[in-house]
Amino acid sequence: MTTLFGRRVQLRPIVLSDFESWREVRTRNHEWLTRWEPRRQENHPDPTTDRDAFAVRCSARQRERQLGTGYGFGIFADGVLCGEINLSTVQRGPFQSAYVGYWVDEKWAGQGLVPESLVVLARFAFDELGLHRIQIAIIPRNGASRRVVEKLDIRVEGLAERYLEINGIWEDHLRYAITAEEWVARRAQLEAVWLNPLPASPSA
C-alpha cells in the first residue's frame, strides 16, 4: 500500500476498516460537502451508509492503482481521517497528465492540511509517477477550495464554462495547473514551507 508523508499529514488509501470513521465524517459534513460534488445516481447504494457499497468503492480505487489510472488517498492527521485527496484520470502517452480533487472535514478546514497534502501529492505525481502536468478544477464561488491553490500560488489557466455537472447543474469551473517544469523550479520552496520539519524553538 502506497503511503505518503508530509509534515503533519499521512496520505494512504482508504480501506474497508476505515468505514466507520469515513461514514462519521461524511455524514457530519453532508451539507458542507455535497453542494460541491456530483449528485449520486438514484437507485445506487450510498457508500456513506452501506458497508458493501463502501467496499466496492475501496476495490475500485485499488483497481485504479493497479492499472495506474488513479491514486486515491485519505488525509490523516494524528491518525484521524480529515478528508481525501485523489489523483484521477491519469493519462500517459503524449499527455502525461492527471486531475486532482480533494475534500476536507469542515472542522479541519483552514488549518493548512489540504495545501500540505497537495504538495505531498504533487511530489508523488512528478517525482515518482513522472507526470508532466496536474490540473485542478474548482467552482469559482467555492472559496475554501480556491484558498488551497491560492496558498500554493498555483497558476490559474482560465474559466471552463459549464465544465462539470454538480448537484444537477452544469457548473463553470476555474482551471488551475502546475507542470513538471514549474514543480522543478518551485519544489524546494514548496517543500520548505509545507513539508520540512519546523525549526526547533529556542530554549528559554
Protein backbone atom coordinates (compact mmCIF):
# COMPACT_ATOMS: atom_id res chain seq x y z
CA MET A 1 0.00 0.00 0.00
CA THR A 2 1.43 3.38 -1.02
CA THR A 3 1.69 5.73 1.95
CA LEU A 4 2.92 9.32 1.57
CA PHE A 5 4.13 11.55 4.38
CA GLY A 6 4.12 15.30 4.89
CA ARG A 7 4.94 17.42 7.92
CA ARG A 8 1.64 16.75 9.68
CA VAL A 9 -0.33 14.60 7.24
CA GLN A 10 -0.17 11.00 6.21
CA LEU A 11 -1.78 10.06 2.89
CA ARG A 12 -2.81 6.45 2.42
CA PRO A 13 -5.52 4.59 0.53
CA ILE A 14 -8.91 4.32 2.22
CA VAL A 15 -9.61 0.68 3.13
CA LEU A 16 -12.63 -1.23 4.40
CA SER A 17 -11.57 -0.89 8.03
CA ASP A 18 -11.96 2.91 7.62
CA PHE A 19 -15.70 2.57 7.00
CA GLU A 20 -16.94 3.75 10.41
CA SER A 21 -14.69 6.82 10.55
CA TRP A 22 -15.37 7.65 6.87
CA ARG A 23 -19.12 7.34 7.44
CA GLU A 24 -18.99 9.57 10.52
CA VAL A 25 -17.02 12.30 8.74
CA ARG A 26 -19.08 12.21 5.54
CA THR A 27 -22.41 12.14 7.41
CA ARG A 28 -21.46 15.04 9.70
CA ASN A 29 -20.21 17.07 6.72
CA HIS A 30 -23.07 16.23 4.35
CA GLU A 31 -24.20 19.83 3.72
CA TRP A 32 -20.62 21.15 3.74
CA LEU A 33 -19.50 18.73 1.01
CA THR A 34 -22.34 17.62 -1.26
CA ARG A 35 -23.09 21.09 -2.65
CA TRP A 36 -19.71 20.88 -4.43
CA GLU A 37 -19.97 17.27 -5.64
CA PRO A 38 -21.73 15.41 -8.46
CA ARG A 39 -25.14 14.13 -7.45
CA ARG A 40 -25.19 10.46 -6.51
CA GLN A 41 -27.08 8.39 -9.06
CA GLU A 42 -30.54 7.31 -7.98
CA ASN A 43 -31.04 3.65 -7.06
CA HIS A 44 -27.29 3.29 -6.40
CA PRO A 45 -26.31 2.29 -2.86
CA ASP A 46 -24.74 5.05 -0.80
CA PRO A 47 -21.20 4.17 0.41
CA THR A 48 -21.73 6.59 3.29
CA THR A 49 -24.35 4.29 4.82
CA ASP A 50 -23.86 0.95 3.04
CA ARG A 51 -20.76 -1.01 4.05
CA ASP A 52 -20.93 -3.20 0.93
CA ALA A 53 -21.07 -0.13 -1.32
CA PHE A 54 -18.10 1.29 0.57
CA ALA A 55 -16.22 -1.97 -0.02
CA VAL A 56 -16.94 -1.70 -3.75
CA ARG A 57 -15.62 1.87 -3.68
CA CYS A 58 -12.41 0.74 -1.99
CA SER A 59 -11.99 -2.09 -4.50
CA ALA A 60 -12.49 0.31 -7.42
CA ARG A 61 -9.78 2.61 -6.04
CA GLN A 62 -7.44 -0.36 -5.58
CA ARG A 63 -8.07 -1.45 -9.17
CA GLU A 64 -7.25 2.08 -10.39
CA ARG A 65 -3.94 1.93 -8.53
CA GLN A 66 -3.14 -1.44 -10.06
CA LEU A 67 -3.88 -0.12 -13.54
CA GLY A 68 -2.04 3.15 -12.89
CA THR A 69 -5.11 5.20 -13.80
CA GLY A 70 -5.81 6.74 -10.40
CA TYR A 71 -4.42 7.13 -6.90
CA GLY A 72 -6.85 7.91 -4.10
CA PHE A 73 -5.70 8.79 -0.59
CA GLY A 74 -7.29 9.53 2.73
CA ILE A 75 -5.81 12.54 4.52
CA PHE A 76 -4.90 11.58 8.09
CA ALA A 77 -3.52 13.78 10.87
CA ASP A 78 -2.62 12.21 14.21
CA GLY A 79 -4.29 9.04 12.97
CA VAL A 80 -7.61 10.83 12.38
CA LEU A 81 -9.32 10.85 8.97
CA CYS A 82 -9.60 14.50 7.93
CA GLY A 83 -10.53 14.21 4.24
CA GLU A 84 -9.45 12.78 0.92
CA ILE A 85 -7.24 13.80 -1.98
CA ASN A 86 -7.26 11.97 -5.29
CA LEU A 87 -5.11 11.88 -8.40
CA SER A 88 -7.53 10.68 -11.07
CA THR A 89 -7.81 10.11 -14.81
CA VAL A 90 -4.08 9.55 -15.16
CA GLN A 91 -3.27 9.72 -18.87
CA ARG A 92 0.03 8.58 -20.31
CA GLY A 93 1.33 8.86 -23.87
CA PRO A 94 1.96 12.42 -25.03
CA PHE A 95 -0.32 13.89 -22.35
CA GLN A 96 1.24 12.59 -19.08
CA SER A 97 -1.40 14.36 -17.04
CA ALA A 98 -3.89 13.83 -14.24
CA TYR A 99 -6.61 15.65 -12.31
CA VAL A 100 -6.62 16.40 -8.59
CA GLY A 101 -9.70 16.55 -6.38
CA TYR A 102 -9.94 16.97 -2.63
CA TRP A 103 -12.29 17.49 0.28
CA VAL A 104 -11.75 18.12 3.98
CA ASP A 105 -13.77 17.78 7.17
CA GLU A 106 -15.14 21.25 7.97
CA LYS A 107 -13.61 21.18 11.45
CA TRP A 108 -10.15 20.84 9.86
CA ALA A 109 -10.74 23.47 7.17
CA GLY A 110 -8.36 26.43 7.12
CA GLN A 111 -5.62 24.64 9.09
CA GLY A 112 -3.35 24.05 6.11
CA LEU A 113 -3.78 20.27 5.88
CA VAL A 114 -5.05 20.30 2.30
CA PRO A 115 -2.32 22.57 0.87
CA GLU A 116 0.23 20.36 2.59
CA SER A 117 -1.47 17.26 1.16
CA LEU A 118 -1.46 18.80 -2.31
CA VAL A 119 2.30 19.40 -2.13
CA VAL A 120 2.80 15.79 -0.99
CA LEU A 121 0.64 14.58 -3.88
CA ALA A 122 2.46 16.81 -6.39
CA ARG A 123 5.80 15.36 -5.27
CA PHE A 124 4.38 11.86 -5.81
CA ALA A 125 2.91 12.78 -9.21
CA PHE A 126 6.03 14.39 -10.60
CA ASP A 127 8.91 12.65 -8.83
CA GLU A 128 7.54 9.11 -8.61
CA LEU A 129 4.94 8.80 -11.37
CA GLY A 130 6.82 11.01 -13.83
CA LEU A 131 3.74 13.01 -14.85
CA HIS A 132 4.14 16.28 -16.70
CA ARG A 133 1.03 18.10 -15.52
CA ILE A 134 -1.63 18.03 -12.83
CA GLN A 135 -4.85 20.01 -13.04
CA ILE A 136 -7.43 21.15 -10.50
CA ALA A 137 -10.90 22.43 -11.43
CA ILE A 138 -12.83 24.49 -8.88
CA ILE A 139 -16.25 26.16 -8.91
CA PRO A 140 -15.48 29.91 -8.70
CA ARG A 141 -17.67 30.54 -5.65
CA ASN A 142 -16.05 27.68 -3.70
CA GLY A 143 -13.79 29.96 -1.71
CA ALA A 144 -12.46 27.24 0.60
CA SER A 145 -11.14 25.13 -2.29
CA ARG A 146 -9.74 28.14 -4.08
CA ARG A 147 -7.80 29.17 -0.99
CA VAL A 148 -5.90 25.87 -1.18
CA VAL A 149 -4.45 26.58 -4.62
CA GLU A 150 -4.03 30.28 -3.84
CA LYS A 151 -1.92 29.47 -0.76
CA LEU A 152 0.36 27.45 -3.06
CA ASP A 153 0.28 30.09 -5.81
CA ILE A 154 -0.78 27.50 -8.40
CA ARG A 155 -1.34 29.05 -11.80
CA VAL A 156 -4.92 29.67 -12.94
CA GLU A 157 -5.48 28.95 -16.63
CA GLY A 158 -8.95 30.33 -17.11
CA LEU A 159 -12.65 29.59 -16.86
CA ALA A 160 -14.17 26.44 -18.32
CA GLU A 161 -17.85 27.15 -18.86
CA ARG A 162 -20.39 24.51 -17.82
CA TYR A 163 -17.50 22.15 -17.15
CA LEU A 164 -18.98 19.59 -14.73
CA GLU A 165 -22.45 18.62 -13.58
CA ILE A 166 -22.59 19.35 -9.85
CA ASN A 167 -25.78 18.65 -7.92
CA GLY A 168 -27.72 18.58 -11.17
CA ILE A 169 -26.33 21.87 -12.54
CA TRP A 170 -23.65 22.32 -15.19
CA GLU A 171 -21.22 24.49 -13.27
CA ASP A 172 -18.42 26.73 -14.56
CA HIS A 173 -15.01 25.84 -13.15
CA LEU A 174 -11.75 27.71 -12.82
CA ARG A 175 -8.91 25.53 -14.06
CA TYR A 176 -5.60 25.54 -12.21
CA ALA A 177 -2.47 23.64 -13.24
CA ILE A 178 1.15 23.02 -12.44
CA THR A 179 3.63 21.39 -14.80
CA ALA A 180 6.77 19.39 -14.13
CA GLU A 181 8.90 22.37 -15.14
CA GLU A 182 7.13 24.57 -12.59
CA TRP A 183 7.48 21.86 -9.96
CA VAL A 184 11.24 21.61 -10.51
CA ALA A 185 11.54 25.39 -10.21
CA ARG A 186 9.37 25.60 -7.09
CA ARG A 187 9.92 22.26 -5.35
CA ALA A 188 12.45 23.48 -2.78
CA GLN A 189 10.33 26.48 -1.78
CA LEU A 190 7.09 24.47 -1.53
CA GLU A 191 8.75 21.70 0.48
CA ALA A 192 10.43 24.21 2.80
CA VAL A 193 7.13 25.93 3.56
CA TRP A 194 4.83 22.91 3.75
CA LEU A 195 6.80 19.69 4.28
CA ASN A 196 10.13 20.19 6.00
CA PRO A 197 10.18 19.99 9.81
CA LEU A 198 9.77 23.31 11.54
CA PRO A 199 12.92 24.59 13.28
CA ALA A 200 13.03 23.82 16.97
CA SER A 201 12.06 26.68 19.25
CA PRO A 202 14.99 28.15 21.19
CA SER A 203 15.07 27.03 24.78
CA ALA A 204 14.19 29.60 27.40
